[in-house]
């Protein structure tokens, strides 16, 4: 968003940028003593997972062995909750996926549910999948073993980042600001681009030094490209140094970063 003011010498323009960043995290819920849980809970009754954090927000999952309500009483339901939202005015936008895992911890084909963009708030703190799996299908499948099974929940939180404010903070403090969700990697990459654009060499070095700590098998290729594009000698050397360490090159080749 830009604002303009007329002056005697011409037109002055101030500018700030708002963009959307994402933070993704996962939580594995293991249901033990499934038969006993099913025995003691009825339709619409659930047990709660431990609380986990993604994007600076606390979440938990509720498991309904007899379904969320009577219409789904032949199914198993899972619902994701935003834990203790501050108030009805606070909202968190997120997407999430519910994925059944096999005994090796790998996703089971055909047994997952992708939830579109949801707005969690004090008024609407939860979203879920009421018909995740038919109970008889689960009980006949090999994924239920020793009376237990596992589900993974992947959560992606969407955040608004005001780059103008981040730039000002960095200029005056020579540090990167703390942001909700702790996505310092994404912030450092964004500010590196901005610093190169506005020829802010000191901020550029701060961003480079921050990125050094995130060089690993899945990022080294992207970071090498970033270093070449924006002339980041220190980051380029950090990538080369990483690949020279015995075993790191193999990890890189085996990772998703190498195709």
C-alpha atoms as a PDB file:
ATOM      1  CA  UNK A   1       0.000   0.000   0.000  1.00  0.00           C
ATOM      2  CA  UNK A   2       1.424   3.438  -0.934  1.00  0.00           C
ATOM      3  CA  UNK A   3       0.629   6.966   0.297  1.00  0.00           C
ATOM      4  CA  UNK A   4       1.385  10.190  -1.553  1.00  0.00           C
ATOM      5  CA  UNK A   5       1.761  13.844  -0.487  1.00  0.00           C
ATOM      6  CA  UNK A   6       2.254  16.919  -2.701  1.00  0.00           C
ATOM      7  CA  UNK A   7       5.179  19.205  -1.863  1.00  0.00           C
ATOM      8  CA  UNK A   8       6.517  22.406  -3.397  1.00  0.00           C
ATOM      9  CA  UNK A   9       9.431  20.558  -4.977  1.00  0.00           C
ATOM     10  CA  UNK A  10       7.277  17.774  -6.386  1.00  0.00           C
ATOM     11  CA  UNK A  11       5.688  14.578  -5.131  1.00  0.00           C
ATOM     12  CA  UNK A  12       7.023  12.519  -2.194  1.00  0.00           C
ATOM     13  CA  UNK A  13       6.138   8.849  -2.038  1.00  0.00           C
ATOM     14  CA  UNK A  14       6.453   6.459   0.880  1.00  0.00           C
ATOM     15  CA  UNK A  15       5.936   2.770   0.329  1.00  0.00           C
ATOM     16  CA  UNK A  16       5.529  -0.407   2.362  1.00  0.00           C
ATOM     17  CA  UNK A  17       4.827  -3.961   1.297  1.00  0.00           C
ATOM     18  CA  UNK A  18       2.565  -6.574   2.835  1.00  0.00           C
ATOM     19  CA  UNK A  19       2.976 -10.190   1.758  1.00  0.00           C
ATOM     20  CA  UNK A  20       1.878 -13.576   2.988  1.00  0.00           C
ATOM     21  CA  UNK A  21       4.359 -16.049   4.462  1.00  0.00           C
ATOM     22  CA  UNK A  22       3.674 -19.612   5.543  1.00  0.00           C
ATOM     23  CA  UNK A  23       4.964 -21.833   8.319  1.00  0.00           C
ATOM     24  CA  UNK A  24       4.365 -25.592   8.199  1.00  0.00           C
ATOM     25  CA  UNK A  25       4.649 -28.140  10.989  1.00  0.00           C
ATOM     26  CA  UNK A  26       3.503 -31.687  11.695  1.00  0.00           C
ATOM     27  CA  UNK A  27       2.221 -33.646  14.669  1.00  0.00           C
ATOM     28  CA  UNK A  28       1.857 -37.432  14.889  1.00  0.00           C
ATOM     29  CA  UNK A  29      -0.985 -38.698  17.044  1.00  0.00           C
ATOM     30  CA  UNK A  30      -0.636 -42.335  18.124  1.00  0.00           C
ATOM     31  CA  UNK A  31      -3.819 -44.021  19.315  1.00  0.00           C
ATOM     32  CA  UNK A  32      -2.971 -46.801  21.773  1.00  0.00           C
ATOM     33  CA  UNK A  33      -5.476 -49.243  23.308  1.00  0.00           C
ATOM     34  CA  UNK A  34      -7.906 -48.421  20.512  1.00  0.00           C
ATOM     35  CA  UNK A  35     -10.417 -51.090  21.575  1.00  0.00           C
ATOM     36  CA  UNK A  36     -10.617 -49.769  25.132  1.00  0.00           C
ATOM     37  CA  UNK A  37     -10.969 -46.190  23.900  1.00  0.00           C
ATOM     38  CA  UNK A  38     -13.790 -47.218  21.585  1.00  0.00           C
ATOM     39  CA  UNK A  39     -15.485 -49.062  24.447  1.00  0.00           C
ATOM     40  CA  UNK A  40     -15.560 -46.132  26.876  1.00  0.00           C
ATOM     41  CA  UNK A  41     -16.414 -43.333  24.430  1.00  0.00           C
ATOM     42  CA  UNK A  42     -19.742 -42.909  22.663  1.00  0.00           C
ATOM     43  CA  UNK A  43     -20.931 -40.927  19.646  1.00  0.00           C
ATOM     44  CA  UNK A  44     -19.684 -37.336  19.767  1.00  0.00           C
ATOM     45  CA  UNK A  45     -17.210 -38.098  22.568  1.00  0.00           C
ATOM     46  CA  UNK A  46     -13.487 -37.668  22.057  1.00  0.00           C
ATOM     47  CA  UNK A  47     -10.012 -37.802  23.500  1.00  0.00           C
ATOM     48  CA  UNK A  48      -7.560 -34.945  23.061  1.00  0.00           C
ATOM     49  CA  UNK A  49      -3.987 -35.066  21.808  1.00  0.00           C
ATOM     50  CA  UNK A  50      -1.145 -33.221  23.453  1.00  0.00           C
ATOM     51  CA  UNK A  51      -0.780 -29.575  22.452  1.00  0.00           C
ATOM     52  CA  UNK A  52       1.720 -28.730  19.695  1.00  0.00           C
ATOM     53  CA  UNK A  53       2.875 -25.442  18.179  1.00  0.00           C
ATOM     54  CA  UNK A  54       2.925 -24.367  14.519  1.00  0.00           C
ATOM     55  CA  UNK A  55       3.311 -20.812  13.269  1.00  0.00           C
ATOM     56  CA  UNK A  56       3.440 -19.397  16.776  1.00  0.00           C
ATOM     57  CA  UNK A  57       0.028 -20.849  17.630  1.00  0.00           C
ATOM     58  CA  UNK A  58      -0.935 -23.800  19.817  1.00  0.00           C
ATOM     59  CA  UNK A  59      -3.036 -26.633  18.374  1.00  0.00           C
ATOM     60  CA  UNK A  60      -4.467 -29.996  19.386  1.00  0.00           C
ATOM     61  CA  UNK A  61      -6.403 -32.822  17.729  1.00  0.00           C
ATOM     62  CA  UNK A  62      -9.539 -34.535  18.983  1.00  0.00           C
ATOM     63  CA  UNK A  63     -10.203 -38.184  18.072  1.00  0.00           C
ATOM     64  CA  UNK A  64     -13.810 -39.436  17.903  1.00  0.00           C
ATOM     65  CA  UNK A  65     -13.855 -43.265  17.650  1.00  0.00           C
ATOM     66  CA  UNK A  66     -17.655 -43.345  17.103  1.00  0.00           C
ATOM     67  CA  UNK A  67     -17.890 -40.287  14.908  1.00  0.00           C
ATOM     68  CA  UNK A  68     -18.428 -36.597  15.510  1.00  0.00           C
ATOM     69  CA  UNK A  69     -22.212 -37.011  15.544  1.00  0.00           C
ATOM     70  CA  UNK A  70     -24.910 -39.602  14.860  1.00  0.00           C
ATOM     71  CA  UNK A  71     -24.757 -39.048  11.095  1.00  0.00           C
ATOM     72  CA  UNK A  72     -21.150 -40.272  11.096  1.00  0.00           C
ATOM     73  CA  UNK A  73     -21.423 -42.935  13.826  1.00  0.00           C
ATOM     74  CA  UNK A  74     -20.005 -45.612  11.487  1.00  0.00           C
ATOM     75  CA  UNK A  75     -16.838 -43.575  10.956  1.00  0.00           C
ATOM     76  CA  UNK A  76     -13.842 -42.273  12.841  1.00  0.00           C
ATOM     77  CA  UNK A  77     -13.591 -38.474  13.012  1.00  0.00           C
ATOM     78  CA  UNK A  78     -10.647 -36.163  13.635  1.00  0.00           C
ATOM     79  CA  UNK A  79     -10.917 -32.450  14.420  1.00  0.00           C
ATOM     80  CA  UNK A  80      -8.122 -29.859  14.642  1.00  0.00           C
ATOM     81  CA  UNK A  81      -8.520 -27.157  17.318  1.00  0.00           C
ATOM     82  CA  UNK A  82      -6.787 -23.816  17.816  1.00  0.00           C
ATOM     83  CA  UNK A  83      -5.908 -23.931  21.509  1.00  0.00           C
ATOM     84  CA  UNK A  84      -7.282 -21.040  23.585  1.00  0.00           C
ATOM     85  CA  UNK A  85      -7.740 -18.369  20.896  1.00  0.00           C
ATOM     86  CA  UNK A  86      -7.323 -14.935  22.505  1.00  0.00           C
ATOM     87  CA  UNK A  87     -10.733 -13.577  21.593  1.00  0.00           C
ATOM     88  CA  UNK A  88     -13.352 -13.491  18.877  1.00  0.00           C
ATOM     89  CA  UNK A  89     -11.408 -10.771  17.049  1.00  0.00           C
ATOM     90  CA  UNK A  90      -8.266 -12.892  16.680  1.00  0.00           C
ATOM     91  CA  UNK A  91      -8.188 -15.159  13.642  1.00  0.00           C
ATOM     92  CA  UNK A  92      -5.617 -17.578  12.239  1.00  0.00           C
ATOM     93  CA  UNK A  93      -5.696 -18.725   8.621  1.00  0.00           C
ATOM     94  CA  UNK A  94      -4.411 -22.246   8.063  1.00  0.00           C
ATOM     95  CA  UNK A  95      -4.630 -25.295   5.841  1.00  0.00           C
ATOM     96  CA  UNK A  96      -4.160 -28.793   7.206  1.00  0.00           C
ATOM     97  CA  UNK A  97      -3.928 -32.400   6.117  1.00  0.00           C
ATOM     98  CA  UNK A  98      -4.908 -35.527   8.070  1.00  0.00           C
ATOM     99  CA  UNK A  99      -2.898 -38.585   7.002  1.00  0.00           C
ATOM    100  CA  UNK A 100      -3.197 -42.191   8.178  1.00  0.00           C
ATOM    101  CA  UNK A 101       0.221 -43.783   8.722  1.00  0.00           C
ATOM    102  CA  UNK A 102       1.267 -47.402   8.367  1.00  0.00           C
ATOM    103  CA  UNK A 103       3.365 -49.214  10.961  1.00  0.00           C
ATOM    104  CA  UNK A 104       6.548 -47.849   9.351  1.00  0.00           C
ATOM    105  CA  UNK A 105       5.292 -44.290   9.737  1.00  0.00           C
ATOM    106  CA  UNK A 106       4.600 -43.856   6.021  1.00  0.00           C
ATOM    107  CA  UNK A 107       1.349 -42.383   4.583  1.00  0.00           C
ATOM    108  CA  UNK A 108      -1.291 -44.935   3.604  1.00  0.00           C
ATOM    109  CA  UNK A 109      -2.486 -44.277   0.011  1.00  0.00           C
ATOM    110  CA  UNK A 110      -6.143 -43.340  -0.158  1.00  0.00           C
ATOM    111  CA  UNK A 111      -6.506 -42.501   3.527  1.00  0.00           C
ATOM    112  CA  UNK A 112      -5.891 -38.777   3.853  1.00  0.00           C
ATOM    113  CA  UNK A 113      -8.004 -35.646   3.990  1.00  0.00           C
ATOM    114  CA  UNK A 114      -6.905 -32.217   2.774  1.00  0.00           C
ATOM    115  CA  UNK A 115      -8.695 -29.298   4.365  1.00  0.00           C
ATOM    116  CA  UNK A 116      -8.738 -26.046   2.413  1.00  0.00           C
ATOM    117  CA  UNK A 117      -8.001 -22.628   3.828  1.00  0.00           C
ATOM    118  CA  UNK A 118      -9.741 -22.347   7.206  1.00  0.00           C
ATOM    119  CA  UNK A 119     -10.095 -19.320   9.468  1.00  0.00           C
ATOM    120  CA  UNK A 120      -9.731 -20.356  13.117  1.00  0.00           C
ATOM    121  CA  UNK A 121     -10.942 -17.945  15.797  1.00  0.00           C
ATOM    122  CA  UNK A 122     -12.563 -17.747  19.212  1.00  0.00           C
ATOM    123  CA  UNK A 123     -15.941 -18.034  17.501  1.00  0.00           C
ATOM    124  CA  UNK A 124     -14.870 -20.928  15.244  1.00  0.00           C
ATOM    125  CA  UNK A 125     -11.908 -22.649  16.941  1.00  0.00           C
ATOM    126  CA  UNK A 126     -12.011 -25.967  15.054  1.00  0.00           C
ATOM    127  CA  UNK A 127     -12.343 -27.698  11.693  1.00  0.00           C
ATOM    128  CA  UNK A 128     -12.160 -31.382  10.911  1.00  0.00           C
ATOM    129  CA  UNK A 129     -13.020 -34.440   8.878  1.00  0.00           C
ATOM    130  CA  UNK A 130     -16.115 -36.194  10.216  1.00  0.00           C
ATOM    131  CA  UNK A 131     -15.827 -39.188   7.856  1.00  0.00           C
ATOM    132  CA  UNK A 132     -12.072 -39.759   7.835  1.00  0.00           C
ATOM    133  CA  UNK A 133     -12.311 -43.553   7.668  1.00  0.00           C
ATOM    134  CA  UNK A 134     -15.087 -46.098   8.098  1.00  0.00           C
ATOM    135  CA  UNK A 135     -14.462 -47.814  11.431  1.00  0.00           C
ATOM    136  CA  UNK A 136     -14.844 -51.350  10.008  1.00  0.00           C
ATOM    137  CA  UNK A 137     -12.263 -50.573   7.313  1.00  0.00           C
ATOM    138  CA  UNK A 138      -9.717 -49.519   9.895  1.00  0.00           C
ATOM    139  CA  UNK A 139     -10.353 -52.535  12.091  1.00  0.00           C
ATOM    140  CA  UNK A 140      -9.867 -54.887   9.133  1.00  0.00           C
ATOM    141  CA  UNK A 141      -6.715 -53.158   7.892  1.00  0.00           C
ATOM    142  CA  UNK A 142      -3.093 -53.989   8.781  1.00  0.00           C
ATOM    143  CA  UNK A 143      -2.539 -50.390   9.869  1.00  0.00           C
ATOM    144  CA  UNK A 144      -4.272 -51.213  13.147  1.00  0.00           C
ATOM    145  CA  UNK A 145      -1.657 -53.379  14.841  1.00  0.00           C
ATOM    146  CA  UNK A 146      -1.255 -54.288  18.504  1.00  0.00           C
ATOM    147  CA  UNK A 147      -4.469 -52.335  19.060  1.00  0.00           C
ATOM    148  CA  UNK A 148      -2.880 -49.067  17.952  1.00  0.00           C
ATOM    149  CA  UNK A 149      -2.572 -46.842  14.879  1.00  0.00           C
ATOM    150  CA  UNK A 150      -1.125 -43.428  14.002  1.00  0.00           C
ATOM    151  CA  UNK A 151      -2.302 -40.282  12.264  1.00  0.00           C
ATOM    152  CA  UNK A 152      -0.187 -37.358  11.099  1.00  0.00           C
ATOM    153  CA  UNK A 153      -1.536 -33.826  10.944  1.00  0.00           C
ATOM    154  CA  UNK A 154       0.351 -31.347   8.720  1.00  0.00           C
ATOM    155  CA  UNK A 155      -0.568 -27.716   9.430  1.00  0.00           C
ATOM    156  CA  UNK A 156       0.354 -24.702   7.288  1.00  0.00           C
ATOM    157  CA  UNK A 157      -0.237 -21.305   8.914  1.00  0.00           C
ATOM    158  CA  UNK A 158      -0.511 -18.172   6.771  1.00  0.00           C
ATOM    159  CA  UNK A 159       0.966 -14.950   8.161  1.00  0.00           C
ATOM    160  CA  UNK A 160       0.978 -11.346   6.985  1.00  0.00           C
ATOM    161  CA  UNK A 161       4.447  -9.837   6.982  1.00  0.00           C
ATOM    162  CA  UNK A 162       4.952  -6.071   6.668  1.00  0.00           C
ATOM    163  CA  UNK A 163       8.335  -5.726   4.977  1.00  0.00           C
ATOM    164  CA  UNK A 164       8.554  -1.963   5.509  1.00  0.00           C
ATOM    165  CA  UNK A 165       8.354  -2.431   9.279  1.00  0.00           C
ATOM    166  CA  UNK A 166      10.922  -5.241   9.203  1.00  0.00           C
ATOM    167  CA  UNK A 167      13.334  -3.108   7.196  1.00  0.00           C
ATOM    168  CA  UNK A 168      13.039  -0.192   9.617  1.00  0.00           C
ATOM    169  CA  UNK A 169      13.651  -2.470  12.601  1.00  0.00           C
ATOM    170  CA  UNK A 170      16.773  -3.926  10.960  1.00  0.00           C
ATOM    171  CA  UNK A 171      18.132  -0.509   9.960  1.00  0.00           C
ATOM    172  CA  UNK A 172      17.869   0.921  13.477  1.00  0.00           C
ATOM    173  CA  UNK A 173      18.952  -2.154  15.458  1.00  0.00           C
ATOM    174  CA  UNK A 174      21.306  -4.053  13.114  1.00  0.00           C
ATOM    175  CA  UNK A 175      19.356  -7.216  13.966  1.00  0.00           C
ATOM    176  CA  UNK A 176      16.551  -9.226  12.441  1.00  0.00           C
ATOM    177  CA  UNK A 177      13.256  -8.773  14.310  1.00  0.00           C
ATOM    178  CA  UNK A 178      11.409 -11.599  16.005  1.00  0.00           C
ATOM    179  CA  UNK A 179       8.141 -12.423  14.247  1.00  0.00           C
ATOM    180  CA  UNK A 180       5.169 -14.572  15.206  1.00  0.00           C
ATOM    181  CA  UNK A 181       5.847 -18.174  14.283  1.00  0.00           C
ATOM    182  CA  UNK A 182       9.595 -17.750  14.419  1.00  0.00           C
ATOM    183  CA  UNK A 183      10.067 -18.070  10.625  1.00  0.00           C
ATOM    184  CA  UNK A 184      13.475 -16.409  10.701  1.00  0.00           C
ATOM    185  CA  UNK A 185      14.613 -18.275   7.585  1.00  0.00           C
ATOM    186  CA  UNK A 186      11.816 -16.897   5.410  1.00  0.00           C
ATOM    187  CA  UNK A 187      12.284 -13.405   6.845  1.00  0.00           C
ATOM    188  CA  UNK A 188      16.041 -13.472   6.232  1.00  0.00           C
ATOM    189  CA  UNK A 189      15.544 -14.465   2.591  1.00  0.00           C
ATOM    190  CA  UNK A 190      12.959 -11.717   2.024  1.00  0.00           C
ATOM    191  CA  UNK A 191      15.071  -9.034   3.686  1.00  0.00           C
ATOM    192  CA  UNK A 192      18.150 -10.172   1.756  1.00  0.00           C
ATOM    193  CA  UNK A 193      16.311  -9.470  -1.503  1.00  0.00           C
ATOM    194  CA  UNK A 194      15.126  -6.093  -0.200  1.00  0.00           C
ATOM    195  CA  UNK A 195      18.607  -5.207   1.073  1.00  0.00           C
ATOM    196  CA  UNK A 196      20.143  -6.000  -2.314  1.00  0.00           C
ATOM    197  CA  UNK A 197      17.475  -3.934  -4.070  1.00  0.00           C
ATOM    198  CA  UNK A 198      18.087  -0.868  -1.893  1.00  0.00           C
ATOM    199  CA  UNK A 199      21.876  -1.434  -1.672  1.00  0.00           C
ATOM    200  CA  UNK A 200      21.837  -1.864   2.104  1.00  0.00           C
ATOM    201  CA  UNK A 201      25.088  -3.799   2.459  1.00  0.00           C
ATOM    202  CA  UNK A 202      25.079  -4.022   6.266  1.00  0.00           C
ATOM    203  CA  UNK A 203      21.586  -5.531   6.358  1.00  0.00           C
ATOM    204  CA  UNK A 204      22.540  -7.827   3.504  1.00  0.00           C
ATOM    205  CA  UNK A 205      25.463  -9.200   5.540  1.00  0.00           C
ATOM    206  CA  UNK A 206      23.196  -9.714   8.571  1.00  0.00           C
ATOM    207  CA  UNK A 207      20.785 -11.741   6.408  1.00  0.00           C
ATOM    208  CA  UNK A 208      23.669 -13.722   4.905  1.00  0.00           C
ATOM    209  CA  UNK A 209      25.035 -14.597   8.339  1.00  0.00           C
ATOM    210  CA  UNK A 210      21.563 -15.700   9.441  1.00  0.00           C
ATOM    211  CA  UNK A 211      21.189 -17.967   6.417  1.00  0.00           C
ATOM    212  CA  UNK A 212      24.541 -19.628   7.177  1.00  0.00           C
ATOM    213  CA  UNK A 213      22.865 -21.392  10.095  1.00  0.00           C
ATOM    214  CA  UNK A 214      20.217 -22.917   7.839  1.00  0.00           C
ATOM    215  CA  UNK A 215      22.524 -24.524   5.263  1.00  0.00           C
ATOM    216  CA  UNK A 216      21.746 -28.241   5.078  1.00  0.00           C
ATOM    217  CA  UNK A 217      21.017 -30.933   2.492  1.00  0.00           C
ATOM    218  CA  UNK A 218      17.555 -29.688   1.558  1.00  0.00           C
ATOM    219  CA  UNK A 219      18.495 -25.970   1.322  1.00  0.00           C
ATOM    220  CA  UNK A 220      22.039 -25.916  -0.081  1.00  0.00           C
ATOM    221  CA  UNK A 221      20.938 -25.915  -3.724  1.00  0.00           C
ATOM    222  CA  UNK A 222      18.452 -23.056  -3.256  1.00  0.00           C
ATOM    223  CA  UNK A 223      20.939 -21.094  -1.152  1.00  0.00           C
ATOM    224  CA  UNK A 224      23.650 -21.515  -3.800  1.00  0.00           C
ATOM    225  CA  UNK A 225      21.279 -20.034  -6.374  1.00  0.00           C
ATOM    226  CA  UNK A 226      20.403 -17.204  -3.990  1.00  0.00           C
ATOM    227  CA  UNK A 227      24.094 -16.505  -3.408  1.00  0.00           C
ATOM    228  CA  UNK A 228      24.845 -16.344  -7.142  1.00  0.00           C
ATOM    229  CA  UNK A 229      21.840 -14.141  -7.928  1.00  0.00           C
ATOM    230  CA  UNK A 230      22.517 -11.562  -5.229  1.00  0.00           C
ATOM    231  CA  UNK A 231      26.306 -11.732  -5.029  1.00  0.00           C
ATOM    232  CA  UNK A 232      26.517 -13.243  -1.547  1.00  0.00           C
ATOM    233  CA  UNK A 233      30.107 -14.439  -1.348  1.00  0.00           C
ATOM    234  CA  UNK A 234      29.871 -15.597   2.278  1.00  0.00           C
ATOM    235  CA  UNK A 235      26.722 -17.641   1.658  1.00  0.00           C
ATOM    236  CA  UNK A 236      28.250 -19.230  -1.446  1.00  0.00           C
ATOM    237  CA  UNK A 237      31.325 -20.237   0.549  1.00  0.00           C
ATOM    238  CA  UNK A 238      29.139 -21.655   3.332  1.00  0.00           C
ATOM    239  CA  UNK A 239      27.356 -23.857   0.768  1.00  0.00           C
ATOM    240  CA  UNK A 240      30.648 -25.114  -0.697  1.00  0.00           C
ATOM    241  CA  UNK A 241      32.007 -25.771   2.786  1.00  0.00           C
ATOM    242  CA  UNK A 242      28.913 -27.812   3.645  1.00  0.00           C
ATOM    243  CA  UNK A 243      29.255 -29.991   0.527  1.00  0.00           C
ATOM    244  CA  UNK A 244      32.942 -30.657   1.260  1.00  0.00           C
ATOM    245  CA  UNK A 245      32.110 -32.363   4.566  1.00  0.00           C
ATOM    246  CA  UNK A 246      32.195 -36.174   4.151  1.00  0.00           C
ATOM    247  CA  UNK A 247      28.666 -37.532   3.895  1.00  0.00           C
ATOM    248  CA  UNK A 248      26.947 -34.200   3.219  1.00  0.00           C
ATOM    249  CA  UNK A 249      27.160 -34.579  -0.563  1.00  0.00           C
ATOM    250  CA  UNK A 250      25.447 -37.969  -0.324  1.00  0.00           C
ATOM    251  CA  UNK A 251      22.745 -36.511   1.928  1.00  0.00           C
ATOM    252  CA  UNK A 252      22.204 -33.761  -0.640  1.00  0.00           C
ATOM    253  CA  UNK A 253      21.905 -36.245  -3.516  1.00  0.00           C
ATOM    254  CA  UNK A 254      19.438 -38.346  -1.521  1.00  0.00           C
ATOM    255  CA  UNK A 255      17.376 -35.335  -0.465  1.00  0.00           C
ATOM    256  CA  UNK A 256      14.550 -33.627  -2.331  1.00  0.00           C
ATOM    257  CA  UNK A 257      16.966 -30.817  -3.123  1.00  0.00           C
ATOM    258  CA  UNK A 258      18.680 -32.940  -5.816  1.00  0.00           C
ATOM    259  CA  UNK A 259      16.688 -34.073  -8.848  1.00  0.00           C
END
